[in-house]
Amino acid sequence: MAQNTPKRKIRDSVFTNLFQDKKYLLRLYQTLHPEDSDVTEDDIKDVTLKHILVDADYNDLGFSVGDRLVIMVESQTKWTLNIIVRALMYLIQTYHDYFKRTEQNLYGSRKVNIIFF
């Protein structure tokens, strides 16, 4: 009798597809930060990292609103310590892109402005 083995493919999830729509992303943000009621879809900036190591999204969802940065990743089906390293890489690359986008010089003597989440 043949044993059924699950097919393991990297594919977009419902989570990722749902929050590509700014309407739902705004709802997510307002659920996380109900005190920030003046935010509109135009205030949300997509910072999801794409095509870094594989031909897919690097983190599942990343966005900023004002001085807040929100990075969300799906859980993995199998635990490995590498997840911690990958999460750190997501954060570092997101900050790298943020400094580049905001034209801040990491190599100068002037202190850079870091957004916290």
N, C-alpha and C. Protein backbone atom coordinates (compact mmCIF):
# COMPACT_ATOMS: atom_id res chain seq x y z
N MET A 1 0.85 -1.18 0.00
CA MET A 1 0.00 0.00 0.00
C MET A 1 0.90 1.25 0.00
N ALA A 2 0.66 2.16 -0.91
CA ALA A 2 1.47 3.38 -1.03
C ALA A 2 1.08 4.37 0.07
N GLN A 3 2.10 4.98 0.62
CA GLN A 3 1.87 5.95 1.68
C GLN A 3 1.63 7.32 1.05
N ASN A 4 0.58 8.00 1.49
CA ASN A 4 0.30 9.34 0.99
C ASN A 4 1.23 10.34 1.65
N THR A 5 1.95 11.08 0.84
CA THR A 5 2.83 12.11 1.37
C THR A 5 2.33 13.46 0.90
N PRO A 6 2.36 14.43 1.78
CA PRO A 6 1.85 15.75 1.39
C PRO A 6 2.75 16.40 0.34
N LYS A 7 2.15 17.16 -0.54
CA LYS A 7 2.91 17.93 -1.51
C LYS A 7 3.37 19.20 -0.82
N ARG A 8 4.65 19.47 -0.89
CA ARG A 8 5.20 20.64 -0.23
C ARG A 8 5.71 21.61 -1.29
N LYS A 9 4.91 22.65 -1.56
CA LYS A 9 5.28 23.66 -2.53
C LYS A 9 5.16 25.02 -1.86
N ILE A 10 6.02 25.94 -2.28
CA ILE A 10 5.90 27.30 -1.79
C ILE A 10 4.82 27.97 -2.62
N ARG A 11 3.78 28.47 -1.97
CA ARG A 11 2.73 29.18 -2.69
C ARG A 11 2.20 30.32 -1.83
N ASP A 12 1.55 31.24 -2.47
CA ASP A 12 0.93 32.34 -1.74
C ASP A 12 -0.16 31.80 -0.85
N SER A 13 -0.29 32.40 0.29
CA SER A 13 -1.31 31.96 1.23
C SER A 13 -2.49 32.90 1.19
N VAL A 14 -3.56 32.47 1.81
CA VAL A 14 -4.74 33.33 1.94
C VAL A 14 -4.36 34.60 2.68
N PHE A 15 -3.55 34.45 3.71
CA PHE A 15 -3.08 35.58 4.52
C PHE A 15 -2.41 36.64 3.64
N THR A 16 -1.45 36.22 2.84
CA THR A 16 -0.70 37.14 1.99
C THR A 16 -1.61 37.77 0.95
N ASN A 17 -2.42 36.96 0.30
CA ASN A 17 -3.30 37.48 -0.75
C ASN A 17 -4.34 38.45 -0.20
N LEU A 18 -4.87 38.15 0.96
CA LEU A 18 -5.89 39.02 1.57
C LEU A 18 -5.33 40.41 1.86
N PHE A 19 -4.15 40.45 2.45
CA PHE A 19 -3.61 41.74 2.88
C PHE A 19 -2.85 42.48 1.78
N GLN A 20 -2.86 41.98 0.56
CA GLN A 20 -2.36 42.77 -0.56
C GLN A 20 -3.36 43.86 -0.92
N ASP A 21 -4.59 43.69 -0.48
CA ASP A 21 -5.64 44.68 -0.69
C ASP A 21 -5.57 45.70 0.46
N LYS A 22 -5.31 46.96 0.13
CA LYS A 22 -5.12 47.98 1.17
C LYS A 22 -6.34 48.17 2.06
N LYS A 23 -7.52 47.85 1.55
CA LYS A 23 -8.74 47.96 2.36
C LYS A 23 -8.63 47.04 3.58
N TYR A 24 -8.17 45.81 3.35
CA TYR A 24 -8.03 44.85 4.44
C TYR A 24 -6.80 45.14 5.30
N LEU A 25 -5.77 45.66 4.67
CA LEU A 25 -4.57 46.04 5.42
C LEU A 25 -4.89 47.16 6.40
N LEU A 26 -5.71 48.12 5.97
CA LEU A 26 -6.14 49.20 6.86
C LEU A 26 -6.94 48.64 8.03
N ARG A 27 -7.82 47.69 7.75
CA ARG A 27 -8.59 47.07 8.84
C ARG A 27 -7.68 46.35 9.83
N LEU A 28 -6.68 45.65 9.32
CA LEU A 28 -5.71 44.97 10.18
C LEU A 28 -5.00 45.98 11.06
N TYR A 29 -4.50 47.06 10.46
CA TYR A 29 -3.78 48.08 11.22
C TYR A 29 -4.68 48.69 12.29
N GLN A 30 -5.92 49.01 11.93
CA GLN A 30 -6.84 49.62 12.90
C GLN A 30 -7.20 48.66 14.03
N THR A 31 -7.17 47.37 13.76
CA THR A 31 -7.39 46.37 14.82
C THR A 31 -6.20 46.34 15.77
N LEU A 32 -4.98 46.44 15.21
CA LEU A 32 -3.78 46.44 16.04
C LEU A 32 -3.58 47.75 16.79
N HIS A 33 -4.01 48.86 16.18
CA HIS A 33 -3.82 50.20 16.76
C HIS A 33 -5.12 51.00 16.68
N PRO A 34 -6.12 50.67 17.50
CA PRO A 34 -7.41 51.37 17.44
C PRO A 34 -7.31 52.85 17.82
N GLU A 35 -6.25 53.21 18.54
CA GLU A 35 -6.07 54.61 18.93
C GLU A 35 -5.66 55.49 17.75
N ASP A 36 -5.26 54.90 16.67
CA ASP A 36 -4.78 55.63 15.49
C ASP A 36 -5.90 55.67 14.45
N SER A 37 -7.01 56.33 14.78
CA SER A 37 -8.24 56.27 13.97
C SER A 37 -8.22 57.16 12.73
N ASP A 38 -7.25 58.06 12.59
CA ASP A 38 -7.21 58.96 11.45
C ASP A 38 -6.47 58.39 10.24
N VAL A 39 -5.93 57.19 10.34
CA VAL A 39 -5.14 56.59 9.27
C VAL A 39 -6.04 56.23 8.09
N THR A 40 -5.54 56.48 6.88
CA THR A 40 -6.26 56.11 5.66
C THR A 40 -5.40 55.12 4.86
N GLU A 41 -5.96 54.57 3.81
CA GLU A 41 -5.23 53.65 2.94
C GLU A 41 -3.99 54.32 2.36
N ASP A 42 -4.07 55.61 2.09
CA ASP A 42 -2.95 56.35 1.51
C ASP A 42 -1.76 56.48 2.47
N ASP A 43 -2.01 56.33 3.77
CA ASP A 43 -0.95 56.44 4.78
C ASP A 43 -0.12 55.16 4.90
N ILE A 44 -0.61 54.08 4.31
CA ILE A 44 0.03 52.77 4.43
C ILE A 44 1.04 52.59 3.31
N LYS A 45 2.28 52.25 3.67
CA LYS A 45 3.34 52.00 2.70
C LYS A 45 3.72 50.52 2.77
N ASP A 46 3.73 49.86 1.63
CA ASP A 46 4.13 48.45 1.56
C ASP A 46 5.64 48.34 1.68
N VAL A 47 6.12 47.56 2.63
CA VAL A 47 7.56 47.32 2.77
C VAL A 47 7.86 45.82 2.75
N THR A 48 6.96 45.03 2.14
CA THR A 48 7.19 43.59 2.02
C THR A 48 8.42 43.37 1.15
N LEU A 49 9.35 42.57 1.64
CA LEU A 49 10.57 42.28 0.90
C LEU A 49 10.28 41.22 -0.15
N LYS A 50 10.74 41.45 -1.37
CA LYS A 50 10.46 40.51 -2.46
C LYS A 50 11.74 40.08 -3.15
N HIS A 51 11.75 38.84 -3.59
CA HIS A 51 12.79 38.29 -4.46
C HIS A 51 14.21 38.47 -3.93
N ILE A 52 14.45 38.16 -2.69
CA ILE A 52 15.78 38.27 -2.12
C ILE A 52 16.51 36.93 -2.24
N LEU A 53 15.99 35.90 -1.60
CA LEU A 53 16.64 34.58 -1.64
C LEU A 53 15.95 33.60 -2.58
N VAL A 54 14.64 33.73 -2.68
CA VAL A 54 13.88 32.85 -3.56
C VAL A 54 13.00 33.71 -4.45
N ASP A 55 12.41 33.12 -5.45
CA ASP A 55 11.56 33.86 -6.37
C ASP A 55 10.16 33.98 -5.79
N ALA A 56 10.08 34.58 -4.62
CA ALA A 56 8.81 34.77 -3.93
C ALA A 56 9.00 35.86 -2.88
N ASP A 57 7.93 36.15 -2.13
CA ASP A 57 8.06 37.12 -1.06
C ASP A 57 9.03 36.59 -0.02
N TYR A 58 9.81 37.50 0.56
CA TYR A 58 10.82 37.13 1.55
C TYR A 58 10.19 37.08 2.93
N ASN A 59 9.39 38.07 3.23
CA ASN A 59 8.55 37.98 4.41
C ASN A 59 7.11 38.05 3.91
N ASP A 60 6.16 37.58 4.67
CA ASP A 60 4.80 37.49 4.18
C ASP A 60 4.12 38.85 4.05
N LEU A 61 4.38 39.75 4.98
CA LEU A 61 3.71 41.04 4.94
C LEU A 61 4.52 42.04 5.75
N GLY A 62 4.80 43.17 5.15
CA GLY A 62 5.47 44.24 5.85
C GLY A 62 4.88 45.56 5.39
N PHE A 63 4.56 46.42 6.34
CA PHE A 63 4.06 47.73 5.97
C PHE A 63 4.38 48.73 7.06
N SER A 64 4.38 50.00 6.67
CA SER A 64 4.61 51.06 7.66
C SER A 64 3.47 52.06 7.58
N VAL A 65 3.20 52.64 8.73
CA VAL A 65 2.21 53.71 8.84
C VAL A 65 2.84 54.77 9.74
N GLY A 66 3.17 55.90 9.15
CA GLY A 66 3.86 56.93 9.93
C GLY A 66 5.17 56.40 10.47
N ASP A 67 5.33 56.46 11.80
CA ASP A 67 6.57 55.97 12.41
C ASP A 67 6.46 54.54 12.93
N ARG A 68 5.42 53.82 12.50
CA ARG A 68 5.24 52.43 12.92
C ARG A 68 5.58 51.48 11.79
N LEU A 69 6.30 50.45 12.12
CA LEU A 69 6.65 49.41 11.16
C LEU A 69 6.02 48.10 11.64
N VAL A 70 5.29 47.44 10.76
CA VAL A 70 4.64 46.18 11.11
C VAL A 70 5.15 45.11 10.14
N ILE A 71 5.73 44.06 10.69
CA ILE A 71 6.20 42.93 9.89
C ILE A 71 5.49 41.69 10.42
N MET A 72 4.80 41.00 9.54
CA MET A 72 4.08 39.80 9.95
C MET A 72 4.53 38.64 9.07
N VAL A 73 4.77 37.52 9.71
CA VAL A 73 5.17 36.32 8.97
C VAL A 73 4.30 35.16 9.43
N GLU A 74 4.05 34.25 8.52
CA GLU A 74 3.29 33.06 8.85
C GLU A 74 4.15 32.07 9.62
N SER A 75 3.49 31.26 10.39
CA SER A 75 4.23 30.20 11.07
C SER A 75 4.65 29.15 10.06
N GLN A 76 5.70 28.45 10.37
CA GLN A 76 6.20 27.40 9.51
C GLN A 76 5.63 26.06 9.96
N THR A 77 5.52 25.13 9.04
CA THR A 77 4.96 23.83 9.40
C THR A 77 5.96 22.97 10.17
N LYS A 78 7.23 23.27 10.04
CA LYS A 78 8.26 22.48 10.71
C LYS A 78 9.22 23.43 11.43
N TRP A 79 9.48 23.22 12.70
CA TRP A 79 10.36 24.09 13.47
C TRP A 79 11.82 23.83 13.13
N THR A 80 12.56 24.92 13.03
CA THR A 80 14.00 24.87 12.87
C THR A 80 14.57 26.15 13.46
N LEU A 81 15.75 26.06 14.02
CA LEU A 81 16.39 27.26 14.57
C LEU A 81 16.67 28.30 13.49
N ASN A 82 16.70 27.88 12.25
CA ASN A 82 16.94 28.81 11.15
C ASN A 82 15.85 29.87 11.05
N ILE A 83 14.67 29.59 11.58
CA ILE A 83 13.58 30.56 11.55
C ILE A 83 13.99 31.84 12.29
N ILE A 84 14.71 31.68 13.38
CA ILE A 84 15.17 32.84 14.15
C ILE A 84 16.13 33.68 13.31
N VAL A 85 17.05 33.03 12.64
CA VAL A 85 18.01 33.74 11.78
C VAL A 85 17.27 34.42 10.64
N ARG A 86 16.30 33.72 10.02
CA ARG A 86 15.54 34.31 8.92
C ARG A 86 14.75 35.52 9.39
N ALA A 87 14.14 35.45 10.57
CA ALA A 87 13.38 36.59 11.10
C ALA A 87 14.29 37.78 11.32
N LEU A 88 15.49 37.53 11.82
CA LEU A 88 16.46 38.61 12.00
C LEU A 88 16.86 39.21 10.65
N MET A 89 17.05 38.35 9.65
CA MET A 89 17.38 38.85 8.30
C MET A 89 16.24 39.69 7.73
N TYR A 90 14.99 39.28 7.96
CA TYR A 90 13.84 40.07 7.49
C TYR A 90 13.90 41.46 8.10
N LEU A 91 14.14 41.50 9.41
CA LEU A 91 14.18 42.79 10.11
C LEU A 91 15.32 43.66 9.60
N ILE A 92 16.49 43.09 9.47
CA ILE A 92 17.66 43.86 9.00
C ILE A 92 17.43 44.39 7.59
N GLN A 93 16.93 43.55 6.68
CA GLN A 93 16.70 44.00 5.31
C GLN A 93 15.61 45.06 5.26
N THR A 94 14.58 44.93 6.09
CA THR A 94 13.51 45.93 6.13
C THR A 94 14.06 47.27 6.60
N TYR A 95 14.90 47.26 7.63
CA TYR A 95 15.53 48.51 8.09
C TYR A 95 16.48 49.07 7.03
N HIS A 96 17.23 48.20 6.36
CA HIS A 96 18.12 48.66 5.29
C HIS A 96 17.32 49.40 4.21
N ASP A 97 16.21 48.80 3.78
CA ASP A 97 15.36 49.43 2.78
C ASP A 97 14.76 50.74 3.30
N TYR A 98 14.40 50.77 4.59
CA TYR A 98 13.84 51.98 5.20
C TYR A 98 14.86 53.12 5.18
N PHE A 99 16.11 52.84 5.56
CA PHE A 99 17.14 53.88 5.55
C PHE A 99 17.40 54.38 4.14
N LYS A 100 17.37 53.47 3.19
CA LYS A 100 17.57 53.85 1.79
C LYS A 100 16.41 54.72 1.30
N ARG A 101 15.19 54.29 1.59
CA ARG A 101 13.98 55.02 1.16
C ARG A 101 13.90 56.41 1.77
N THR A 102 14.34 56.52 3.02
CA THR A 102 14.28 57.82 3.71
C THR A 102 15.57 58.62 3.55
N GLU A 103 16.48 58.09 2.71
CA GLU A 103 17.75 58.76 2.38
C GLU A 103 18.57 59.14 3.61
N GLN A 104 18.68 58.18 4.54
CA GLN A 104 19.49 58.38 5.74
C GLN A 104 20.86 57.72 5.52
N ASN A 105 21.89 58.38 5.97
CA ASN A 105 23.26 57.89 5.79
C ASN A 105 23.72 57.12 7.02
N LEU A 106 23.81 55.81 6.89
CA LEU A 106 24.27 54.97 7.99
C LEU A 106 25.75 55.15 8.28
N TYR A 107 26.50 55.68 7.33
CA TYR A 107 27.95 55.77 7.47
C TYR A 107 28.41 57.16 7.88
N GLY A 108 27.48 58.08 8.05
CA GLY A 108 27.84 59.42 8.50
C GLY A 108 27.86 59.51 10.02
N SER A 109 28.20 60.66 10.53
CA SER A 109 28.28 60.83 11.99
C SER A 109 26.94 61.23 12.58
N ARG A 110 26.00 61.63 11.74
CA ARG A 110 24.68 62.05 12.22
C ARG A 110 23.84 60.82 12.58
N LYS A 111 23.14 60.91 13.71
CA LYS A 111 22.30 59.80 14.18
C LYS A 111 21.14 59.59 13.20
N VAL A 112 20.87 58.34 12.86
CA VAL A 112 19.74 58.02 11.97
C VAL A 112 18.47 57.90 12.82
N ASN A 113 17.33 58.15 12.19
CA ASN A 113 16.05 58.00 12.86
C ASN A 113 15.53 56.61 12.58
N ILE A 114 15.27 55.86 13.64
CA ILE A 114 14.79 54.49 13.52
C ILE A 114 13.34 54.45 13.95
N ILE A 115 12.50 53.80 13.14
CA ILE A 115 11.12 53.60 13.55
C ILE A 115 11.04 52.30 14.33
N PHE A 116 10.24 52.29 15.36
CA PHE A 116 10.07 51.10 16.19
C PHE A 116 8.63 50.61 16.05
N PHE A 117 8.43 49.38 16.34
CA PHE A 117 7.11 48.78 16.21
C PHE A 117 6.71 48.12 17.50
